[in-house]
Amino acid sequence: MKILACYKWTMDEQDIKINSENQSLDTSRAKYKISEYDKNAIEEATLLMESAGANTDVLTFGGAAVKQSFKDVLSRGPEQAFYIADEAADSADAFVTANVLAAVIRKNGPYDLVICGEGSSDVYNQQVAPRLGSLLGLPTVTYVQKLELQGNRVVATRKMADCTEVATVEGPAVISVLPEINKPRIPSLKQVLGAAKKPATEIKIADLGLSAAQLTPKTTRKALKGFVMNRKNVVYKETDQAVNVAKLVASLAAEGLA
C-alpha cells in the first residue's frame, strides 16, 4: 500500500504582529511551521504505515521557504518527500494548489490513499481535498475523526454538526482529517537526525504539463488586515464579590450578551 500525506508550510501565526494603527500585518519576524491540521494528516499516514506496513510519502507546494520543512516533516515518520518550490504558490488559491498537487500525484502515483488536513491553519478554506478527489476521479471523505483500513476498503467516521456517520468507500480514496483523529508525535532526537538521510525530491512546476489557465487563481487577495479588539476595560472593585458579579451581569444584559 502506498499512502501520501499532503501538507502546507505556513507562517507561525504566533509570530505575526498587528499594527494597531492600520491593522496591517507585520510578518518580518515570522517563522514557518507545518500547518497544524496537516500534522494530523502526517501522523495518521504514519500510524497506517506502522500498522499496515505501507509506504508513506509526503507532498507540499510552496515558495522557496518550503525547503526548510523537510527535517521536521520527515522526522515524523514518512519515508520521502516531494515538493514544488515555486513563486506561483505565493498567490495560489485552492484551485491552483489542487491542480498542482493532482498533477504530481498522477506523475508519482498511483497512491492507495491520499490524506490531507481538513484545512490549512492560515486560510482554512477546506477546498483542497475535495478538489483533489474531483481532479483524480477518486471518492473523497471529509471531516474524518477516525479511520480504518479493511482490505481495499476505507472505513471513515465523520464528525457532522450534530451527529457522526460512518462512510465506507473502495480505495483508492482522498481523505481529509480533523484534529481529534490523533495526537501528532513529538519526534525524538534520533528521528530528527534520521530525517536528514531521507530523500526530498524537487518537482518543477514546468514539468507537470499544466496550462496557464490551470495555474491562474480563481480568487485574488486584494488586502489582508488583522483584527484588533478594543476592550472597554471596565473593572468592578466592590468588596462584596456578589455585587461585582451582579454589576457584570447587568452590564452584559444591557448589551444583549446575557
Protein backbone atom coordinates (compact mmCIF):
# COMPACT_ATOMS: atom_id res chain seq x y z
CA MET A 1 0.00 0.00 0.00
CA LYS A 2 1.19 3.50 -0.87
CA ILE A 3 -0.02 6.44 1.20
CA LEU A 4 0.53 10.12 0.53
CA ALA A 5 0.10 12.91 3.09
CA CYS A 6 -0.16 16.46 1.77
CA TYR A 7 0.96 19.38 3.90
CA LYS A 8 1.45 23.13 3.81
CA TRP A 9 4.44 25.05 5.18
CA THR A 10 2.90 28.15 6.74
CA MET A 11 3.87 31.11 8.85
CA ASP A 12 3.53 30.58 12.57
CA GLU A 13 0.59 32.80 13.50
CA GLN A 14 2.09 33.44 16.93
CA ASP A 15 4.91 35.38 15.25
CA ILE A 16 2.64 37.66 13.23
CA LYS A 17 2.19 41.12 14.70
CA ILE A 18 -0.67 43.55 14.00
CA ASN A 19 -0.09 47.26 13.54
CA SER A 20 -2.77 48.83 15.73
CA GLU A 21 -2.87 52.00 13.60
CA ASN A 22 -3.90 50.45 10.28
CA GLN A 23 -4.34 46.73 11.14
CA SER A 24 -1.61 45.74 8.66
CA LEU A 25 0.31 42.53 9.37
CA ASP A 26 3.98 42.51 10.24
CA THR A 27 5.41 39.13 9.16
CA SER A 28 9.07 40.21 9.15
CA ARG A 29 9.92 38.02 12.14
CA ALA A 30 7.54 35.15 11.43
CA LYS A 31 8.99 31.66 11.43
CA TYR A 32 7.44 28.82 9.47
CA LYS A 33 5.89 25.54 10.57
CA ILE A 34 3.85 22.62 9.30
CA SER A 35 0.20 23.67 9.23
CA GLU A 36 -1.33 22.39 12.47
CA TYR A 37 -4.09 20.41 10.73
CA ASP A 38 -1.57 18.83 8.37
CA LYS A 39 0.37 17.44 11.32
CA ASN A 40 -2.66 15.24 11.95
CA ALA A 41 -2.64 14.11 8.31
CA ILE A 42 1.05 13.20 8.53
CA GLU A 43 0.55 11.41 11.84
CA GLU A 44 -2.39 9.39 10.50
CA ALA A 45 -0.38 8.37 7.44
CA THR A 46 2.49 7.31 9.70
CA LEU A 47 0.20 5.32 12.00
CA LEU A 48 -1.21 3.47 8.99
CA MET A 49 2.32 2.89 7.73
CA GLU A 50 3.31 1.39 11.06
CA SER A 51 0.20 -0.78 11.43
CA ALA A 52 -0.33 -1.87 7.81
CA GLY A 53 3.24 -1.90 6.54
CA ALA A 54 2.50 0.79 3.98
CA ASN A 55 4.92 3.08 2.17
CA THR A 56 4.33 6.73 3.04
CA ASP A 57 5.35 9.85 1.12
CA VAL A 58 4.65 13.50 1.81
CA LEU A 59 3.97 16.24 -0.73
CA THR A 60 3.93 20.01 -0.48
CA PHE A 61 3.57 23.03 -2.76
CA GLY A 62 5.04 26.32 -1.59
CA GLY A 63 7.59 29.04 -2.08
CA ALA A 64 11.33 28.82 -1.51
CA ALA A 65 10.79 28.59 2.27
CA VAL A 66 9.27 25.12 1.88
CA LYS A 67 12.78 23.66 1.70
CA GLN A 68 13.09 24.36 5.41
CA SER A 69 10.33 21.87 6.21
CA PHE A 70 11.96 18.54 5.43
CA LYS A 71 13.74 17.90 8.73
CA ASP A 72 10.51 18.39 10.66
CA VAL A 73 8.16 16.53 8.34
CA LEU A 74 10.44 13.56 7.66
CA SER A 75 11.25 13.16 11.35
CA ARG A 76 7.54 12.41 11.88
CA GLY A 77 7.73 9.08 10.03
CA PRO A 78 7.27 9.47 6.25
CA GLU A 79 9.96 7.87 4.10
CA GLN A 80 10.42 10.52 1.46
CA ALA A 81 9.22 13.98 0.46
CA PHE A 82 8.26 15.52 -2.85
CA TYR A 83 7.99 19.26 -3.20
CA ILE A 84 7.26 22.04 -5.66
CA ALA A 85 9.05 25.25 -4.69
CA ASP A 86 7.75 27.97 -6.96
CA GLU A 87 6.75 31.61 -6.57
CA ALA A 88 3.35 30.71 -8.03
CA ALA A 89 2.49 29.33 -4.59
CA ASP A 90 2.55 32.83 -3.10
CA SER A 91 -0.65 33.77 -4.95
CA ALA A 92 -2.13 30.29 -5.38
CA ASP A 93 -5.66 29.59 -4.22
CA ALA A 94 -7.24 26.17 -3.64
CA PHE A 95 -7.91 25.84 -7.38
CA VAL A 96 -4.25 26.21 -8.33
CA THR A 97 -2.98 24.22 -5.35
CA ALA A 98 -5.23 21.27 -6.16
CA ASN A 99 -4.21 21.34 -9.82
CA VAL A 100 -0.52 21.24 -8.90
CA LEU A 101 -0.89 18.51 -6.27
CA ALA A 102 -3.08 16.39 -8.55
CA ALA A 103 -0.53 16.65 -11.35
CA VAL A 104 2.24 15.43 -9.03
CA ILE A 105 0.09 12.57 -7.77
CA ARG A 106 -0.58 11.46 -11.34
CA LYS A 107 3.15 11.64 -12.02
CA ASN A 108 4.28 9.76 -8.89
CA GLY A 109 1.27 7.56 -8.24
CA PRO A 110 -0.89 5.72 -8.09
CA TYR A 111 -1.47 6.03 -4.34
CA ASP A 112 -3.94 3.90 -2.42
CA LEU A 113 -4.75 6.72 0.00
CA VAL A 114 -4.21 10.48 -0.11
CA ILE A 115 -4.59 12.18 3.28
CA CYS A 116 -4.98 15.93 3.82
CA GLY A 117 -5.73 18.11 6.80
CA GLU A 118 -9.31 19.39 6.86
CA GLY A 119 -7.94 22.86 6.15
CA SER A 120 -4.73 24.84 6.44
CA SER A 121 -4.01 26.80 9.61
CA ASP A 122 -3.62 30.07 7.69
CA VAL A 123 -6.68 30.32 5.40
CA TYR A 124 -8.64 27.14 6.30
CA ASN A 125 -10.78 27.16 3.15
CA GLN A 126 -11.36 23.37 3.26
CA GLN A 127 -11.29 23.05 -0.53
CA VAL A 128 -8.07 21.26 -1.46
CA ALA A 129 -9.09 17.69 -0.53
CA PRO A 130 -12.48 17.78 -2.32
CA ARG A 131 -10.87 19.38 -5.37
CA LEU A 132 -8.15 16.74 -5.38
CA GLY A 133 -10.71 13.96 -5.28
CA SER A 134 -12.60 15.52 -8.17
CA LEU A 135 -9.48 16.03 -10.29
CA LEU A 136 -8.23 12.49 -9.64
CA GLY A 137 -11.66 10.90 -10.03
CA LEU A 138 -11.44 9.34 -6.55
CA PRO A 139 -14.03 9.03 -3.77
CA THR A 140 -13.46 11.71 -1.15
CA VAL A 141 -14.41 11.63 2.52
CA THR A 142 -14.15 14.80 4.62
CA TYR A 143 -14.43 15.67 8.35
CA VAL A 144 -12.86 12.33 9.32
CA GLN A 145 -12.24 11.76 13.03
CA LYS A 146 -11.50 8.03 12.84
CA LEU A 147 -10.01 5.98 10.01
CA GLU A 148 -9.73 2.23 9.48
CA LEU A 149 -8.50 0.11 6.60
CA GLN A 150 -10.29 -3.16 5.89
CA GLY A 151 -8.51 -4.70 2.94
CA ASN A 152 -9.21 -2.43 -0.01
CA ARG A 153 -11.97 -0.61 1.87
CA VAL A 154 -11.61 2.64 3.76
CA VAL A 155 -13.96 2.99 6.73
CA ALA A 156 -14.14 6.59 7.95
CA THR A 157 -16.11 8.04 10.84
CA ARG A 158 -17.16 11.59 10.00
CA LYS A 159 -17.98 14.27 12.56
CA MET A 160 -21.05 16.18 11.44
CA ALA A 161 -22.80 19.16 13.05
CA ASP A 162 -24.94 17.15 15.48
CA CYS A 163 -24.00 13.53 14.84
CA THR A 164 -21.40 11.19 13.38
CA GLU A 165 -21.70 8.99 10.32
CA VAL A 166 -19.64 6.09 9.04
CA ALA A 167 -18.68 6.17 5.37
CA THR A 168 -17.21 3.16 3.61
CA VAL A 169 -15.52 3.56 0.22
CA GLU A 170 -13.40 1.36 -2.00
CA GLY A 171 -9.85 2.62 -2.31
CA PRO A 172 -8.01 4.44 -3.66
CA ALA A 173 -9.52 7.49 -1.98
CA VAL A 174 -8.86 11.01 -0.74
CA ILE A 175 -9.40 11.68 2.96
CA SER A 176 -9.36 14.94 4.95
CA VAL A 177 -8.91 14.54 8.69
CA LEU A 178 -9.91 16.55 11.75
CA PRO A 179 -7.52 17.37 14.63
CA GLU A 180 -9.20 14.90 17.00
CA ILE A 181 -8.25 11.92 14.82
CA ASN A 182 -4.89 11.63 16.62
CA LYS A 183 -2.23 13.42 18.63
CA PRO A 184 0.80 14.25 16.46
CA ARG A 185 4.01 12.84 17.87
CA ILE A 186 6.96 14.88 19.04
CA PRO A 187 9.94 13.49 17.10
CA SER A 188 12.86 12.17 19.12
CA LEU A 189 16.43 13.36 18.56
CA LYS A 190 17.16 10.09 16.75
CA GLN A 191 14.21 10.66 14.42
CA VAL A 192 15.30 14.25 13.73
CA LEU A 193 18.83 13.12 12.88
CA GLY A 194 17.49 10.26 10.77
CA ALA A 195 15.33 12.67 8.75
CA ALA A 196 18.47 14.12 7.18
CA LYS A 197 19.09 10.76 5.46
CA LYS A 198 15.66 10.60 3.84
CA PRO A 199 15.25 11.87 0.27
CA ALA A 200 13.46 15.10 -0.66
CA THR A 201 12.83 15.35 -4.39
CA GLU A 202 12.00 18.60 -6.14
CA ILE A 203 9.49 18.59 -8.99
CA LYS A 204 9.49 21.58 -11.30
CA ILE A 205 6.10 23.11 -11.92
CA ALA A 206 7.02 23.44 -15.60
CA ASP A 207 7.31 19.64 -15.84
CA LEU A 208 3.73 19.00 -14.73
CA GLY A 209 2.09 19.80 -18.06
CA LEU A 210 -0.31 22.33 -16.56
CA SER A 211 -1.77 25.10 -18.69
CA ALA A 212 -1.66 28.79 -17.87
CA ALA A 213 -5.37 28.62 -17.04
CA GLN A 214 -4.76 25.83 -14.50
CA LEU A 215 -2.11 27.97 -12.80
CA THR A 216 -4.23 31.13 -12.70
CA PRO A 217 -6.04 31.65 -9.39
CA LYS A 218 -9.82 31.90 -9.42
CA THR A 219 -9.71 34.20 -6.40
CA THR A 220 -7.30 37.02 -5.63
CA ARG A 221 -6.48 38.65 -2.31
CA LYS A 222 -6.59 42.44 -2.52
CA ALA A 223 -5.84 43.17 1.12
CA LEU A 224 -5.28 41.40 4.39
CA LYS A 225 -5.72 43.05 7.76
CA GLY A 226 -5.63 41.83 11.31
CA PHE A 227 -8.44 42.14 13.80
CA VAL A 228 -7.90 44.27 16.89
CA MET A 229 -10.47 44.13 19.67
CA ASN A 230 -11.00 47.37 21.55
CA ARG A 231 -11.83 46.38 25.11
CA LYS A 232 -13.82 48.61 27.46
CA ASN A 233 -11.60 47.70 30.41
CA VAL A 234 -14.39 48.07 32.95
CA VAL A 235 -13.24 46.98 36.40
CA TYR A 236 -15.61 46.29 39.30
CA LYS A 237 -13.93 46.90 42.67
CA GLU A 238 -16.67 46.37 45.24
CA THR A 239 -15.53 44.44 48.32
CA ASP A 240 -18.59 42.24 48.07
CA GLN A 241 -17.93 39.92 45.10
CA ALA A 242 -21.63 39.23 44.73
CA VAL A 243 -22.14 42.92 43.95
CA ASN A 244 -19.37 42.78 41.35
CA VAL A 245 -20.98 39.76 39.71
CA ALA A 246 -24.40 41.44 39.72
CA LYS A 247 -22.96 44.55 38.07
CA LEU A 248 -21.19 42.43 35.45
CA VAL A 249 -24.35 40.51 34.62
CA ALA A 250 -26.34 43.75 34.40
CA SER A 251 -23.75 45.26 32.09
CA LEU A 252 -23.76 42.22 29.83
CA ALA A 253 -27.56 42.15 29.79
CA ALA A 254 -27.66 45.83 28.81
CA GLU A 255 -25.55 44.99 25.75
CA GLY A 256 -27.66 41.95 24.88
CA LEU A 257 -24.94 39.47 25.79
CA ALA A 258 -26.59 37.78 28.74
